[in-house]
Amino acid sequence: MSEIENITIEEGFDKLNDIIGKMEDGEVSLDESFKLYNEGINLVKICNDKIDFVEKQIKLLEKDGEDDVF
């Protein structure tokens, strides 16, 4: 597992904001823009997977809670 896969969702969003800022700045080369774009796509995928995992965990918790009888 790479270092980038171990980041939190919040850290991923912060890195994405940094990448967007660099690309909007217009001071990066085409080659660097391509690298930043690829890094951003990877971050989006990782964050999306983490969000999906959290959503599944919440659904499981909600499902378990529905079975309780008061």
PDB file of N, CA and C in Angstrom:
ATOM      1  N   MET A   1       0.858  -1.179   0.000  1.00  0.00           N
ATOM      2  CA  MET A   1       0.000   0.000   0.000  1.00  0.00           C
ATOM      3  C   MET A   1       0.900   1.238   0.000  1.00  0.00           C
ATOM      4  N   SER A   2       0.643   2.143  -0.891  1.00  0.00           N
ATOM      5  CA  SER A   2       1.477   3.335  -0.993  1.00  0.00           C
ATOM      6  C   SER A   2       1.127   4.339   0.094  1.00  0.00           C
ATOM      7  N   GLU A   3       2.009   5.284   0.285  1.00  0.00           N
ATOM      8  CA  GLU A   3       1.820   6.312   1.315  1.00  0.00           C
ATOM      9  C   GLU A   3       0.547   7.110   1.081  1.00  0.00           C
ATOM     10  N   ILE A   4       0.246   7.393  -0.170  1.00  0.00           N
ATOM     11  CA  ILE A   4      -0.920   8.209  -0.486  1.00  0.00           C
ATOM     12  C   ILE A   4      -2.220   7.490  -0.119  1.00  0.00           C
ATOM     13  N   GLU A   5      -2.223   6.157  -0.130  1.00  0.00           N
ATOM     14  CA  GLU A   5      -3.422   5.404   0.221  1.00  0.00           C
ATOM     15  C   GLU A   5      -3.692   5.422   1.721  1.00  0.00           C
ATOM     16  N   ASN A   6      -2.707   5.819   2.525  1.00  0.00           N
ATOM     17  CA  ASN A   6      -2.860   5.854   3.970  1.00  0.00           C
ATOM     18  C   ASN A   6      -3.333   7.206   4.491  1.00  0.00           C
ATOM     19  N   ILE A   7      -3.598   8.154   3.606  1.00  0.00           N
ATOM     20  CA  ILE A   7      -4.025   9.474   4.053  1.00  0.00           C
ATOM     21  C   ILE A   7      -5.492   9.444   4.457  1.00  0.00           C
ATOM     22  N   THR A   8      -5.859  10.402   5.270  1.00  0.00           N
ATOM     23  CA  THR A   8      -7.266  10.528   5.648  1.00  0.00           C
ATOM     24  C   THR A   8      -8.025  11.235   4.524  1.00  0.00           C
ATOM     25  N   ILE A   9      -9.328  11.173   4.605  1.00  0.00           N
ATOM     26  CA  ILE A   9     -10.155  11.866   3.613  1.00  0.00           C
ATOM     27  C   ILE A   9      -9.856  13.355   3.638  1.00  0.00           C
ATOM     28  N   GLU A  10      -9.725  13.914   4.819  1.00  0.00           N
ATOM     29  CA  GLU A  10      -9.449  15.347   4.949  1.00  0.00           C
ATOM     30  C   GLU A  10      -8.104  15.709   4.339  1.00  0.00           C
ATOM     31  N   GLU A  11      -7.100  14.875   4.582  1.00  0.00           N
ATOM     32  CA  GLU A  11      -5.780  15.125   3.993  1.00  0.00           C
ATOM     33  C   GLU A  11      -5.851  15.032   2.471  1.00  0.00           C
ATOM     34  N   GLY A  12      -6.627  14.085   1.981  1.00  0.00           N
ATOM     35  CA  GLY A  12      -6.806  13.943   0.546  1.00  0.00           C
ATOM     36  C   GLY A  12      -7.431  15.177  -0.069  1.00  0.00           C
ATOM     37  N   PHE A  13      -8.477  15.719   0.592  1.00  0.00           N
ATOM     38  CA  PHE A  13      -9.118  16.935   0.093  1.00  0.00           C
ATOM     39  C   PHE A  13      -8.166  18.122   0.137  1.00  0.00           C
ATOM     40  N   ASP A  14      -7.347  18.197   1.183  1.00  0.00           N
ATOM     41  CA  ASP A  14      -6.361  19.281   1.265  1.00  0.00           C
ATOM     42  C   ASP A  14      -5.358  19.189   0.112  1.00  0.00           C
ATOM     43  N   LYS A  15      -4.881  17.968  -0.170  1.00  0.00           N
ATOM     44  CA  LYS A  15      -3.940  17.780  -1.273  1.00  0.00           C
ATOM     45  C   LYS A  15      -4.595  18.122  -2.607  1.00  0.00           C
ATOM     46  N   LEU A  16      -5.859  17.739  -2.763  1.00  0.00           N
ATOM     47  CA  LEU A  16      -6.571  18.076  -3.993  1.00  0.00           C
ATOM     48  C   LEU A  16      -6.687  19.585  -4.164  1.00  0.00           C
ATOM     49  N   ASN A  17      -6.980  20.285  -3.086  1.00  0.00           N
ATOM     50  CA  ASN A  17      -7.051  21.749  -3.151  1.00  0.00           C
ATOM     51  C   ASN A  17      -5.705  22.348  -3.536  1.00  0.00           C
ATOM     52  N   ASP A  18      -4.619  21.787  -3.017  1.00  0.00           N
ATOM     53  CA  ASP A  18      -3.286  22.262  -3.381  1.00  0.00           C
ATOM     54  C   ASP A  18      -3.013  22.041  -4.870  1.00  0.00           C
ATOM     55  N   ILE A  19      -3.386  20.864  -5.357  1.00  0.00           N
ATOM     56  CA  ILE A  19      -3.179  20.542  -6.773  1.00  0.00           C
ATOM     57  C   ILE A  19      -3.982  21.501  -7.652  1.00  0.00           C
ATOM     58  N   ILE A  20      -5.229  21.720  -7.296  1.00  0.00           N
ATOM     59  CA  ILE A  20      -6.079  22.635  -8.069  1.00  0.00           C
ATOM     60  C   ILE A  20      -5.478  24.034  -8.088  1.00  0.00           C
ATOM     61  N   GLY A  21      -4.990  24.477  -6.941  1.00  0.00           N
ATOM     62  CA  GLY A  21      -4.370  25.797  -6.854  1.00  0.00           C
ATOM     63  C   GLY A  21      -3.161  25.921  -7.759  1.00  0.00           C
ATOM     64  N   LYS A  22      -2.322  24.892  -7.757  1.00  0.00           N
ATOM     65  CA  LYS A  22      -1.130  24.912  -8.616  1.00  0.00           C
ATOM     66  C   LYS A  22      -1.518  24.951 -10.088  1.00  0.00           C
ATOM     67  N   MET A  23      -2.527  24.163 -10.449  1.00  0.00           N
ATOM     68  CA  MET A  23      -2.928  24.104 -11.855  1.00  0.00           C
ATOM     69  C   MET A  23      -3.606  25.402 -12.292  1.00  0.00           C
ATOM     70  N   GLU A  24      -4.360  26.025 -11.408  1.00  0.00           N
ATOM     71  CA  GLU A  24      -5.012  27.291 -11.736  1.00  0.00           C
ATOM     72  C   GLU A  24      -4.029  28.447 -11.816  1.00  0.00           C
ATOM     73  N   ASP A  25      -2.916  28.303 -11.121  1.00  0.00           N
ATOM     74  CA  ASP A  25      -1.896  29.348 -11.098  1.00  0.00           C
ATOM     75  C   ASP A  25      -1.328  29.612 -12.486  1.00  0.00           C
ATOM     76  N   GLY A  26      -1.261  28.579 -13.298  1.00  0.00           N
ATOM     77  CA  GLY A  26      -0.761  28.738 -14.660  1.00  0.00           C
ATOM     78  C   GLY A  26       0.745  28.790 -14.769  1.00  0.00           C
ATOM     79  N   GLU A  27       1.443  28.598 -13.664  1.00  0.00           N
ATOM     80  CA  GLU A  27       2.906  28.693 -13.674  1.00  0.00           C
ATOM     81  C   GLU A  27       3.573  27.336 -13.850  1.00  0.00           C
ATOM     82  N   VAL A  28       2.787  26.271 -14.019  1.00  0.00           N
ATOM     83  CA  VAL A  28       3.375  24.943 -14.169  1.00  0.00           C
ATOM     84  C   VAL A  28       3.425  24.561 -15.649  1.00  0.00           C
ATOM     85  N   SER A  29       4.399  23.748 -15.980  1.00  0.00           N
ATOM     86  CA  SER A  29       4.555  23.293 -17.368  1.00  0.00           C
ATOM     87  C   SER A  29       3.458  22.292 -17.708  1.00  0.00           C
ATOM     88  N   LEU A  30       3.339  22.002 -18.981  1.00  0.00           N
ATOM     89  CA  LEU A  30       2.363  21.018 -19.431  1.00  0.00           C
ATOM     90  C   LEU A  30       2.666  19.656 -18.828  1.00  0.00           C
ATOM     91  N   ASP A  31       3.937  19.310 -18.761  1.00  0.00           N
ATOM     92  CA  ASP A  31       4.344  18.032 -18.171  1.00  0.00           C
ATOM     93  C   ASP A  31       3.962  17.974 -16.695  1.00  0.00           C
ATOM     94  N   GLU A  32       4.234  19.045 -15.974  1.00  0.00           N
ATOM     95  CA  GLU A  32       3.887  19.104 -14.548  1.00  0.00           C
ATOM     96  C   GLU A  32       2.368  19.087 -14.362  1.00  0.00           C
ATOM     97  N   SER A  33       1.649  19.759 -15.242  1.00  0.00           N
ATOM     98  CA  SER A  33       0.183  19.746 -15.177  1.00  0.00           C
ATOM     99  C   SER A  33      -0.352  18.329 -15.331  1.00  0.00           C
ATOM    100  N   PHE A  34       0.231  17.575 -16.241  1.00  0.00           N
ATOM    101  CA  PHE A  34      -0.185  16.194 -16.451  1.00  0.00           C
ATOM    102  C   PHE A  34       0.079  15.349 -15.204  1.00  0.00           C
ATOM    103  N   LYS A  35       1.247  15.547 -14.585  1.00  0.00           N
ATOM    104  CA  LYS A  35       1.574  14.819 -13.355  1.00  0.00           C
ATOM    105  C   LYS A  35       0.597  15.193 -12.235  1.00  0.00           C
ATOM    106  N   LEU A  36       0.316  16.475 -12.106  1.00  0.00           N
ATOM    107  CA  LEU A  36      -0.635  16.920 -11.081  1.00  0.00           C
ATOM    108  C   LEU A  36      -2.025  16.358 -11.330  1.00  0.00           C
ATOM    109  N   TYR A  37      -2.431  16.338 -12.596  1.00  0.00           N
ATOM    110  CA  TYR A  37      -3.730  15.784 -12.964  1.00  0.00           C
ATOM    111  C   TYR A  37      -3.817  14.313 -12.562  1.00  0.00           C
ATOM    112  N   ASN A  38      -2.791  13.541 -12.879  1.00  0.00           N
ATOM    113  CA  ASN A  38      -2.773  12.124 -12.510  1.00  0.00           C
ATOM    114  C   ASN A  38      -2.809  11.936 -10.999  1.00  0.00           C
ATOM    115  N   GLU A  39      -2.056  12.740 -10.290  1.00  0.00           N
ATOM    116  CA  GLU A  39      -2.063  12.662  -8.835  1.00  0.00           C
ATOM    117  C   GLU A  39      -3.457  12.992  -8.294  1.00  0.00           C
ATOM    118  N   GLY A  40      -4.084  14.000  -8.876  1.00  0.00           N
ATOM    119  CA  GLY A  40      -5.429  14.385  -8.452  1.00  0.00           C
ATOM    120  C   GLY A  40      -6.439  13.280  -8.698  1.00  0.00           C
ATOM    121  N   ILE A  41      -6.363  12.646  -9.859  1.00  0.00           N
ATOM    122  CA  ILE A  41      -7.272  11.542 -10.176  1.00  0.00           C
ATOM    123  C   ILE A  41      -7.095  10.401  -9.174  1.00  0.00           C
ATOM    124  N   ASN A  42      -5.842  10.090  -8.851  1.00  0.00           N
ATOM    125  CA  ASN A  42      -5.582   9.035  -7.865  1.00  0.00           C
ATOM    126  C   ASN A  42      -6.147   9.416  -6.499  1.00  0.00           C
ATOM    127  N   LEU A  43      -5.982  10.669  -6.117  1.00  0.00           N
ATOM    128  CA  LEU A  43      -6.523  11.119  -4.835  1.00  0.00           C
ATOM    129  C   LEU A  43      -8.050  11.038  -4.809  1.00  0.00           C
ATOM    130  N   VAL A  44      -8.690  11.406  -5.896  1.00  0.00           N
ATOM    131  CA  VAL A  44     -10.158  11.332  -5.977  1.00  0.00           C
ATOM    132  C   VAL A  44     -10.606   9.882  -5.798  1.00  0.00           C
ATOM    133  N   LYS A  45      -9.931   8.956  -6.467  1.00  0.00           N
ATOM    134  CA  LYS A  45     -10.283   7.540  -6.352  1.00  0.00           C
ATOM    135  C   LYS A  45     -10.110   7.039  -4.924  1.00  0.00           C
ATOM    136  N   ILE A  46      -9.000   7.405  -4.312  1.00  0.00           N
ATOM    137  CA  ILE A  46      -8.731   6.962  -2.943  1.00  0.00           C
ATOM    138  C   ILE A  46      -9.766   7.547  -1.983  1.00  0.00           C
ATOM    139  N   CYS A  47     -10.044   8.832  -2.103  1.00  0.00           N
ATOM    140  CA  CYS A  47     -11.034   9.470  -1.229  1.00  0.00           C
ATOM    141  C   CYS A  47     -12.418   8.865  -1.451  1.00  0.00           C
ATOM    142  N   ASN A  48     -12.761   8.609  -2.698  1.00  0.00           N
ATOM    143  CA  ASN A  48     -14.058   8.009  -3.011  1.00  0.00           C
ATOM    144  C   ASN A  48     -14.173   6.617  -2.385  1.00  0.00           C
ATOM    145  N   ASP A  49     -13.116   5.826  -2.465  1.00  0.00           N
ATOM    146  CA  ASP A  49     -13.127   4.498  -1.847  1.00  0.00           C
ATOM    147  C   ASP A  49     -13.297   4.600  -0.334  1.00  0.00           C
ATOM    148  N   LYS A  50     -12.618   5.560   0.272  1.00  0.00           N
ATOM    149  CA  LYS A  50     -12.734   5.741   1.719  1.00  0.00           C
ATOM    150  C   LYS A  50     -14.138   6.184   2.110  1.00  0.00           C
ATOM    151  N   ILE A  51     -14.726   7.067   1.336  1.00  0.00           N
ATOM    152  CA  ILE A  51     -16.090   7.526   1.611  1.00  0.00           C
ATOM    153  C   ILE A  51     -17.073   6.373   1.436  1.00  0.00           C
ATOM    154  N   ASP A  52     -16.905   5.576   0.388  1.00  0.00           N
ATOM    155  CA  ASP A  52     -17.768   4.404   0.182  1.00  0.00           C
ATOM    156  C   ASP A  52     -17.677   3.444   1.363  1.00  0.00           C
ATOM    157  N   PHE A  53     -16.461   3.230   1.866  1.00  0.00           N
ATOM    158  CA  PHE A  53     -16.275   2.343   3.008  1.00  0.00           C
ATOM    159  C   PHE A  53     -17.013   2.867   4.237  1.00  0.00           C
ATOM    160  N   VAL A  54     -16.885   4.152   4.490  1.00  0.00           N
ATOM    161  CA  VAL A  54     -17.554   4.752   5.644  1.00  0.00           C
ATOM    162  C   VAL A  54     -19.073   4.642   5.498  1.00  0.00           C
ATOM    163  N   GLU A  55     -19.585   4.903   4.297  1.00  0.00           N
ATOM    164  CA  GLU A  55     -21.025   4.787   4.059  1.00  0.00           C
ATOM    165  C   GLU A  55     -21.513   3.368   4.319  1.00  0.00           C
ATOM    166  N   LYS A  56     -20.754   2.367   3.891  1.00  0.00           N
ATOM    167  CA  LYS A  56     -21.127   0.971   4.126  1.00  0.00           C
ATOM    168  C   LYS A  56     -21.129   0.656   5.623  1.00  0.00           C
ATOM    169  N   GLN A  57     -20.152   1.188   6.338  1.00  0.00           N
ATOM    170  CA  GLN A  57     -20.098   0.960   7.779  1.00  0.00           C
ATOM    171  C   GLN A  57     -21.302   1.592   8.471  1.00  0.00           C
ATOM    172  N   ILE A  58     -21.681   2.783   8.052  1.00  0.00           N
ATOM    173  CA  ILE A  58     -22.833   3.464   8.632  1.00  0.00           C
ATOM    174  C   ILE A  58     -24.102   2.665   8.360  1.00  0.00           C
ATOM    175  N   LYS A  59     -24.257   2.161   7.131  1.00  0.00           N
ATOM    176  CA  LYS A  59     -25.431   1.354   6.797  1.00  0.00           C
ATOM    177  C   LYS A  59     -25.490   0.104   7.644  1.00  0.00           C
ATOM    178  N   LEU A  60     -24.334  -0.525   7.884  1.00  0.00           N
ATOM    179  CA  LEU A  60     -24.303  -1.711   8.739  1.00  0.00           C
ATOM    180  C   LEU A  60     -24.718  -1.363  10.166  1.00  0.00           C
ATOM    181  N   LEU A  61     -24.219  -0.249  10.661  1.00  0.00           N
ATOM    182  CA  LEU A  61     -24.582   0.170  12.019  1.00  0.00           C
ATOM    183  C   LEU A  61     -26.069   0.482  12.112  1.00  0.00           C
ATOM    184  N   GLU A  62     -26.601   1.153  11.101  1.00  0.00           N
ATOM    185  CA  GLU A  62     -28.025   1.473  11.095  1.00  0.00           C
ATOM    186  C   GLU A  62     -28.857   0.205  11.019  1.00  0.00           C
ATOM    187  N   LYS A  63     -28.428  -0.735  10.215  1.00  0.00           N
ATOM    188  CA  LYS A  63     -29.143  -2.001  10.083  1.00  0.00           C
ATOM    189  C   LYS A  63     -29.147  -2.748  11.410  1.00  0.00           C
ATOM    190  N   ASP A  64     -27.994  -2.786  12.076  1.00  0.00           N
ATOM    191  CA  ASP A  64     -27.908  -3.456  13.368  1.00  0.00           C
ATOM    192  C   ASP A  64     -28.802  -2.780  14.393  1.00  0.00           C
ATOM    193  N   GLY A  65     -28.914  -1.471  14.324  1.00  0.00           N
ATOM    194  CA  GLY A  65     -29.744  -0.729  15.271  1.00  0.00           C
ATOM    195  C   GLY A  65     -31.223  -0.972  15.069  1.00  0.00           C
ATOM    196  N   GLU A  66     -31.649  -1.270  13.846  1.00  0.00           N
ATOM    197  CA  GLU A  66     -33.060  -1.499  13.549  1.00  0.00           C
ATOM    198  C   GLU A  66     -33.561  -2.775  14.175  1.00  0.00           C
ATOM    199  N   ASP A  67     -32.672  -3.721  14.428  1.00  0.00           N
ATOM    200  CA  ASP A  67     -33.084  -5.004  14.984  1.00  0.00           C
ATOM    201  C   ASP A  67     -33.317  -4.944  16.480  1.00  0.00           C
ATOM    202  N   ASP A  68     -32.900  -3.866  17.134  1.00  0.00           N
ATOM    203  CA  ASP A  68     -33.071  -3.763  18.577  1.00  0.00           C
ATOM    204  C   ASP A  68     -34.536  -3.534  18.924  1.00  0.00           C
ATOM    205  N   VAL A  69     -35.000  -4.255  19.920  1.00  0.00           N
ATOM    206  CA  VAL A  69     -36.374  -4.074  20.411  1.00  0.00           C
ATOM    207  C   VAL A  69     -36.283  -3.369  21.762  1.00  0.00           C
ATOM    208  N   PHE A  70     -37.042  -2.281  21.901  1.00  0.00           N
ATOM    209  CA  PHE A  70     -36.998  -1.513  23.154  1.00  0.00           C
ATOM    210  C   PHE A  70     -38.017  -2.002  24.108  1.00  0.00           C
TER     211      PHE A  70
END
